[in-house]
Amino acid sequence: MRIGSLLLVVWLLIGVAAAFQRDYFDSSDATCAEVSTIAITVVAGPLNYLGANPKVTCPNVKAPQPSK
């Protein structure tokens, strides 16, 4: 159990390092796509260094406008 937990933490730390190297944390504008891309990059972990470059796009959802 301890080895599995340690491996998971190391995996996620490698993913954070990959997101940091790609300058994903530099933007102060947190859109749906940016937050999702950071999350999937962290979860992908070491796969980022094997060529994975996950990107997420969010559809433009238009909220209904209030009546006049």
PDB file of N, CA and C in Angstrom:
ATOM      1  N   MET A   1       0.829  -1.202   0.000  1.00  0.00           N
ATOM      2  CA  MET A   1       0.000   0.000   0.000  1.00  0.00           C
ATOM      3  C   MET A   1       0.869   1.260   0.000  1.00  0.00           C
ATOM      4  N   ARG A   2       1.928   1.269   0.787  1.00  0.00           N
ATOM      5  CA  ARG A   2       2.802   2.430   0.848  1.00  0.00           C
ATOM      6  C   ARG A   2       3.526   2.651  -0.472  1.00  0.00           C
ATOM      7  N   ILE A   3       3.936   1.578  -1.113  1.00  0.00           N
ATOM      8  CA  ILE A   3       4.642   1.711  -2.392  1.00  0.00           C
ATOM      9  C   ILE A   3       3.707   2.285  -3.444  1.00  0.00           C
ATOM     10  N   GLY A   4       2.464   1.838  -3.458  1.00  0.00           N
ATOM     11  CA  GLY A   4       1.485   2.366  -4.408  1.00  0.00           C
ATOM     12  C   GLY A   4       1.221   3.849  -4.189  1.00  0.00           C
ATOM     13  N   SER A   5       1.113   4.243  -2.937  1.00  0.00           N
ATOM     14  CA  SER A   5       0.898   5.663  -2.629  1.00  0.00           C
ATOM     15  C   SER A   5       2.103   6.496  -3.031  1.00  0.00           C
ATOM     16  N   LEU A   6       3.287   5.992  -2.764  1.00  0.00           N
ATOM     17  CA  LEU A   6       4.506   6.702  -3.138  1.00  0.00           C
ATOM     18  C   LEU A   6       4.611   6.839  -4.655  1.00  0.00           C
ATOM     19  N   LEU A   7       4.295   5.782  -5.381  1.00  0.00           N
ATOM     20  CA  LEU A   7       4.317   5.841  -6.839  1.00  0.00           C
ATOM     21  C   LEU A   7       3.311   6.855  -7.379  1.00  0.00           C
ATOM     22  N   LEU A   8       2.139   6.913  -6.778  1.00  0.00           N
ATOM     23  CA  LEU A   8       1.121   7.872  -7.202  1.00  0.00           C
ATOM     24  C   LEU A   8       1.591   9.312  -6.976  1.00  0.00           C
ATOM     25  N   VAL A   9       2.188   9.566  -5.826  1.00  0.00           N
ATOM     26  CA  VAL A   9       2.679  10.911  -5.535  1.00  0.00           C
ATOM     27  C   VAL A   9       3.793  11.295  -6.502  1.00  0.00           C
ATOM     28  N   VAL A  10       4.719  10.379  -6.764  1.00  0.00           N
ATOM     29  CA  VAL A  10       5.811  10.658  -7.701  1.00  0.00           C
ATOM     30  C   VAL A  10       5.249  10.899  -9.097  1.00  0.00           C
ATOM     31  N   TRP A  11       4.271  10.091  -9.510  1.00  0.00           N
ATOM     32  CA  TRP A  11       3.627  10.238 -10.825  1.00  0.00           C
ATOM     33  C   TRP A  11       3.029  11.643 -10.980  1.00  0.00           C
ATOM     34  N   LEU A  12       2.287  12.076  -9.961  1.00  0.00           N
ATOM     35  CA  LEU A  12       1.646  13.392 -10.011  1.00  0.00           C
ATOM     36  C   LEU A  12       2.664  14.529  -9.948  1.00  0.00           C
ATOM     37  N   LEU A  13       3.735  14.355  -9.189  1.00  0.00           N
ATOM     38  CA  LEU A  13       4.781  15.378  -9.139  1.00  0.00           C
ATOM     39  C   LEU A  13       5.466  15.533 -10.495  1.00  0.00           C
ATOM     40  N   ILE A  14       5.659  14.440 -11.196  1.00  0.00           N
ATOM     41  CA  ILE A  14       6.229  14.509 -12.542  1.00  0.00           C
ATOM     42  C   ILE A  14       5.273  15.251 -13.467  1.00  0.00           C
ATOM     43  N   GLY A  15       3.972  15.023 -13.316  1.00  0.00           N
ATOM     44  CA  GLY A  15       2.980  15.744 -14.109  1.00  0.00           C
ATOM     45  C   GLY A  15       2.974  17.230 -13.812  1.00  0.00           C
ATOM     46  N   VAL A  16       3.122  17.602 -12.549  1.00  0.00           N
ATOM     47  CA  VAL A  16       3.197  19.018 -12.178  1.00  0.00           C
ATOM     48  C   VAL A  16       4.447  19.641 -12.790  1.00  0.00           C
ATOM     49  N   ALA A  17       5.555  18.911 -12.768  1.00  0.00           N
ATOM     50  CA  ALA A  17       6.791  19.421 -13.370  1.00  0.00           C
ATOM     51  C   ALA A  17       6.606  19.650 -14.865  1.00  0.00           C
ATOM     52  N   ALA A  18       5.914  18.742 -15.542  1.00  0.00           N
ATOM     53  CA  ALA A  18       5.670  18.900 -16.973  1.00  0.00           C
ATOM     54  C   ALA A  18       4.799  20.123 -17.248  1.00  0.00           C
ATOM     55  N   ALA A  19       3.768  20.325 -16.446  1.00  0.00           N
ATOM     56  CA  ALA A  19       2.902  21.497 -16.626  1.00  0.00           C
ATOM     57  C   ALA A  19       3.676  22.780 -16.345  1.00  0.00           C
ATOM     58  N   PHE A  20       4.550  22.752 -15.357  1.00  0.00           N
ATOM     59  CA  PHE A  20       5.366  23.923 -15.035  1.00  0.00           C
ATOM     60  C   PHE A  20       6.332  24.243 -16.180  1.00  0.00           C
ATOM     61  N   GLN A  21       6.938  23.209 -16.767  1.00  0.00           N
ATOM     62  CA  GLN A  21       7.875  23.416 -17.870  1.00  0.00           C
ATOM     63  C   GLN A  21       7.185  23.972 -19.105  1.00  0.00           C
ATOM     64  N   ARG A  22       5.917  23.687 -19.260  1.00  0.00           N
ATOM     65  CA  ARG A  22       5.152  24.202 -20.404  1.00  0.00           C
ATOM     66  C   ARG A  22       4.540  25.567 -20.107  1.00  0.00           C
ATOM     67  N   ASP A  23       4.872  26.152 -18.979  1.00  0.00           N
ATOM     68  CA  ASP A  23       4.403  27.483 -18.570  1.00  0.00           C
ATOM     69  C   ASP A  23       2.884  27.569 -18.454  1.00  0.00           C
ATOM     70  N   TYR A  24       2.249  26.489 -18.028  1.00  0.00           N
ATOM     71  CA  TYR A  24       0.799  26.502 -17.861  1.00  0.00           C
ATOM     72  C   TYR A  24       0.371  27.302 -16.634  1.00  0.00           C
ATOM     73  N   PHE A  25       1.265  27.522 -15.682  1.00  0.00           N
ATOM     74  CA  PHE A  25       0.910  28.220 -14.460  1.00  0.00           C
ATOM     75  C   PHE A  25       1.172  29.717 -14.540  1.00  0.00           C
ATOM     76  N   ASP A  26       1.672  30.213 -15.667  1.00  0.00           N
ATOM     77  CA  ASP A  26       1.996  31.631 -15.809  1.00  0.00           C
ATOM     78  C   ASP A  26       0.772  32.513 -16.026  1.00  0.00           C
ATOM     79  N   SER A  27      -0.280  31.977 -16.587  1.00  0.00           N
ATOM     80  CA  SER A  27      -1.455  32.771 -16.927  1.00  0.00           C
ATOM     81  C   SER A  27      -2.341  32.973 -15.704  1.00  0.00           C
ATOM     82  N   SER A  28      -2.799  34.201 -15.508  1.00  0.00           N
ATOM     83  CA  SER A  28      -3.720  34.466 -14.410  1.00  0.00           C
ATOM     84  C   SER A  28      -5.168  34.309 -14.850  1.00  0.00           C
ATOM     85  N   ASP A  29      -5.388  34.187 -16.166  1.00  0.00           N
ATOM     86  CA  ASP A  29      -6.727  34.008 -16.722  1.00  0.00           C
ATOM     87  C   ASP A  29      -7.054  32.520 -16.743  1.00  0.00           C
ATOM     88  N   ALA A  30      -7.894  32.075 -15.818  1.00  0.00           N
ATOM     89  CA  ALA A  30      -8.218  30.658 -15.690  1.00  0.00           C
ATOM     90  C   ALA A  30      -9.504  30.341 -16.443  1.00  0.00           C
ATOM     91  N   THR A  31      -9.361  29.895 -17.674  1.00  0.00           N
ATOM     92  CA  THR A  31     -10.528  29.485 -18.441  1.00  0.00           C
ATOM     93  C   THR A  31     -10.742  27.986 -18.261  1.00  0.00           C
ATOM     94  N   CYS A  32     -11.866  27.519 -18.720  1.00  0.00           N
ATOM     95  CA  CYS A  32     -12.193  26.095 -18.642  1.00  0.00           C
ATOM     96  C   CYS A  32     -11.123  25.266 -19.346  1.00  0.00           C
ATOM     97  N   ALA A  33     -10.710  25.685 -20.515  1.00  0.00           N
ATOM     98  CA  ALA A  33      -9.727  24.938 -21.295  1.00  0.00           C
ATOM     99  C   ALA A  33      -8.370  24.920 -20.608  1.00  0.00           C
ATOM    100  N   GLU A  34      -7.944  26.043 -20.044  1.00  0.00           N
ATOM    101  CA  GLU A  34      -6.636  26.100 -19.390  1.00  0.00           C
ATOM    102  C   GLU A  34      -6.594  25.235 -18.136  1.00  0.00           C
ATOM    103  N   VAL A  35      -7.613  25.302 -17.328  1.00  0.00           N
ATOM    104  CA  VAL A  35      -7.659  24.497 -16.102  1.00  0.00           C
ATOM    105  C   VAL A  35      -7.721  23.014 -16.447  1.00  0.00           C
ATOM    106  N   SER A  36      -8.511  22.659 -17.443  1.00  0.00           N
ATOM    107  CA  SER A  36      -8.630  21.263 -17.852  1.00  0.00           C
ATOM    108  C   SER A  36      -7.325  20.734 -18.433  1.00  0.00           C
ATOM    109  N   THR A  37      -6.637  21.551 -19.223  1.00  0.00           N
ATOM    110  CA  THR A  37      -5.365  21.140 -19.804  1.00  0.00           C
ATOM    111  C   THR A  37      -4.322  20.922 -18.714  1.00  0.00           C
ATOM    112  N   ILE A  38      -4.284  21.796 -17.720  1.00  0.00           N
ATOM    113  CA  ILE A  38      -3.343  21.615 -16.610  1.00  0.00           C
ATOM    114  C   ILE A  38      -3.651  20.325 -15.864  1.00  0.00           C
ATOM    115  N   ALA A  39      -4.927  20.085 -15.578  1.00  0.00           N
ATOM    116  CA  ALA A  39      -5.318  18.886 -14.832  1.00  0.00           C
ATOM    117  C   ALA A  39      -4.955  17.615 -15.589  1.00  0.00           C
ATOM    118  N   ILE A  40      -5.233  17.565 -16.879  1.00  0.00           N
ATOM    119  CA  ILE A  40      -4.944  16.353 -17.644  1.00  0.00           C
ATOM    120  C   ILE A  40      -3.445  16.167 -17.825  1.00  0.00           C
ATOM    121  N   THR A  41      -2.691  17.258 -17.887  1.00  0.00           N
ATOM    122  CA  THR A  41      -1.231  17.161 -17.973  1.00  0.00           C
ATOM    123  C   THR A  41      -0.665  16.578 -16.691  1.00  0.00           C
ATOM    124  N   VAL A  42      -1.176  17.018 -15.555  1.00  0.00           N
ATOM    125  CA  VAL A  42      -0.713  16.488 -14.266  1.00  0.00           C
ATOM    126  C   VAL A  42      -1.066  15.012 -14.144  1.00  0.00           C
ATOM    127  N   VAL A  43      -2.267  14.637 -14.542  1.00  0.00           N
ATOM    128  CA  VAL A  43      -2.688  13.241 -14.440  1.00  0.00           C
ATOM    129  C   VAL A  43      -1.887  12.355 -15.402  1.00  0.00           C
ATOM    130  N   ALA A  44      -1.525  12.879 -16.565  1.00  0.00           N
ATOM    131  CA  ALA A  44      -0.756  12.093 -17.530  1.00  0.00           C
ATOM    132  C   ALA A  44       0.649  11.805 -17.021  1.00  0.00           C
ATOM    133  N   GLY A  45       1.149  12.647 -16.115  1.00  0.00           N
ATOM    134  CA  GLY A  45       2.425  12.397 -15.459  1.00  0.00           C
ATOM    135  C   GLY A  45       3.576  12.150 -16.417  1.00  0.00           C
ATOM    136  N   PRO A  46       4.297  11.042 -16.238  1.00  0.00           N
ATOM    137  CA  PRO A  46       5.472  10.746 -17.060  1.00  0.00           C
ATOM    138  C   PRO A  46       5.162  10.552 -18.538  1.00  0.00           C
ATOM    139  N   LEU A  47       3.918  10.300 -18.876  1.00  0.00           N
ATOM    140  CA  LEU A  47       3.564  10.137 -20.291  1.00  0.00           C
ATOM    141  C   LEU A  47       3.843  11.417 -21.081  1.00  0.00           C
ATOM    142  N   ASN A  48       3.874  12.556 -20.385  1.00  0.00           N
ATOM    143  CA  ASN A  48       4.201  13.820 -21.039  1.00  0.00           C
ATOM    144  C   ASN A  48       5.598  13.775 -21.638  1.00  0.00           C
ATOM    145  N   TYR A  49       6.511  13.099 -20.966  1.00  0.00           N
ATOM    146  CA  TYR A  49       7.889  13.026 -21.436  1.00  0.00           C
ATOM    147  C   TYR A  49       8.078  11.937 -22.491  1.00  0.00           C
ATOM    148  N   LEU A  50       7.035  11.158 -22.723  1.00  0.00           N
ATOM    149  CA  LEU A  50       7.077  10.151 -23.789  1.00  0.00           C
ATOM    150  C   LEU A  50       6.355  10.641 -25.035  1.00  0.00           C
ATOM    151  N   GLY A  51       5.974  11.911 -25.060  1.00  0.00           N
ATOM    152  CA  GLY A  51       5.365  12.495 -26.251  1.00  0.00           C
ATOM    153  C   GLY A  51       3.911  12.887 -26.105  1.00  0.00           C
ATOM    154  N   ALA A  52       3.279  12.556 -24.999  1.00  0.00           N
ATOM    155  CA  ALA A  52       1.882  12.952 -24.809  1.00  0.00           C
ATOM    156  C   ALA A  52       1.814  14.461 -24.595  1.00  0.00           C
ATOM    157  N   ASN A  53       0.911  15.109 -25.286  1.00  0.00           N
ATOM    158  CA  ASN A  53       0.715  16.549 -25.122  1.00  0.00           C
ATOM    159  C   ASN A  53      -0.787  16.797 -25.067  1.00  0.00           C
ATOM    160  N   PRO A  54      -1.409  16.463 -23.936  1.00  0.00           N
ATOM    161  CA  PRO A  54      -2.860  16.574 -23.845  1.00  0.00           C
ATOM    162  C   PRO A  54      -3.338  18.011 -23.859  1.00  0.00           C
ATOM    163  N   LYS A  55      -4.369  18.262 -24.618  1.00  0.00           N
ATOM    164  CA  LYS A  55      -5.019  19.574 -24.679  1.00  0.00           C
ATOM    165  C   LYS A  55      -6.513  19.348 -24.563  1.00  0.00           C
ATOM    166  N   VAL A  56      -7.184  20.243 -23.900  1.00  0.00           N
ATOM    167  CA  VAL A  56      -8.630  20.146 -23.734  1.00  0.00           C
ATOM    168  C   VAL A  56      -9.249  21.440 -24.238  1.00  0.00           C
ATOM    169  N   THR A  57     -10.324  21.307 -24.987  1.00  0.00           N
ATOM    170  CA  THR A  57     -11.072  22.487 -25.414  1.00  0.00           C
ATOM    171  C   THR A  57     -12.464  22.416 -24.808  1.00  0.00           C
ATOM    172  N   CYS A  58     -12.972  23.532 -24.433  1.00  0.00           N
ATOM    173  CA  CYS A  58     -14.311  23.605 -23.860  1.00  0.00           C
ATOM    174  C   CYS A  58     -15.204  24.349 -24.849  1.00  0.00           C
ATOM    175  N   PRO A  59     -16.386  23.823 -25.092  1.00  0.00           N
ATOM    176  CA  PRO A  59     -17.280  24.520 -26.022  1.00  0.00           C
ATOM    177  C   PRO A  59     -17.722  25.856 -25.439  1.00  0.00           C
ATOM    178  N   ASN A  60     -17.926  26.789 -26.311  1.00  0.00           N
ATOM    179  CA  ASN A  60     -18.423  28.096 -25.861  1.00  0.00           C
ATOM    180  C   ASN A  60     -19.890  27.956 -25.506  1.00  0.00           C
ATOM    181  N   VAL A  61     -20.152  27.962 -24.240  1.00  0.00           N
ATOM    182  CA  VAL A  61     -21.519  27.829 -23.756  1.00  0.00           C
ATOM    183  C   VAL A  61     -22.073  29.236 -23.553  1.00  0.00           C
ATOM    184  N   LYS A  62     -23.147  29.523 -24.227  1.00  0.00           N
ATOM    185  CA  LYS A  62     -23.760  30.843 -24.115  1.00  0.00           C
ATOM    186  C   LYS A  62     -24.913  30.773 -23.117  1.00  0.00           C
ATOM    187  N   ALA A  63     -24.785  31.557 -22.082  1.00  0.00           N
ATOM    188  CA  ALA A  63     -25.824  31.599 -21.063  1.00  0.00           C
ATOM    189  C   ALA A  63     -26.997  32.419 -21.567  1.00  0.00           C
ATOM    190  N   PRO A  64     -28.198  32.072 -21.188  1.00  0.00           N
ATOM    191  CA  PRO A  64     -29.356  32.863 -21.607  1.00  0.00           C
ATOM    192  C   PRO A  64     -29.278  34.280 -21.036  1.00  0.00           C
ATOM    193  N   GLN A  65     -29.706  35.216 -21.825  1.00  0.00           N
ATOM    194  CA  GLN A  65     -29.702  36.626 -21.427  1.00  0.00           C
ATOM    195  C   GLN A  65     -31.002  36.950 -20.683  1.00  0.00           C
ATOM    196  N   PRO A  66     -30.955  37.832 -19.716  1.00  0.00           N
ATOM    197  CA  PRO A  66     -32.170  38.210 -18.999  1.00  0.00           C
ATOM    198  C   PRO A  66     -33.107  38.995 -19.918  1.00  0.00           C
ATOM    199  N   SER A  67     -34.369  38.844 -19.668  1.00  0.00           N
ATOM    200  CA  SER A  67     -35.341  39.569 -20.488  1.00  0.00           C
ATOM    201  C   SER A  67     -35.289  41.053 -20.159  1.00  0.00           C
ATOM    202  N   LYS A  68     -35.660  41.869 -21.146  1.00  0.00           N
ATOM    203  CA  LYS A  68     -35.609  43.321 -20.966  1.00  0.00           C
ATOM    204  C   LYS A  68     -36.928  43.874 -20.483  1.00  0.00           C
TER     205      LYS A  68
END
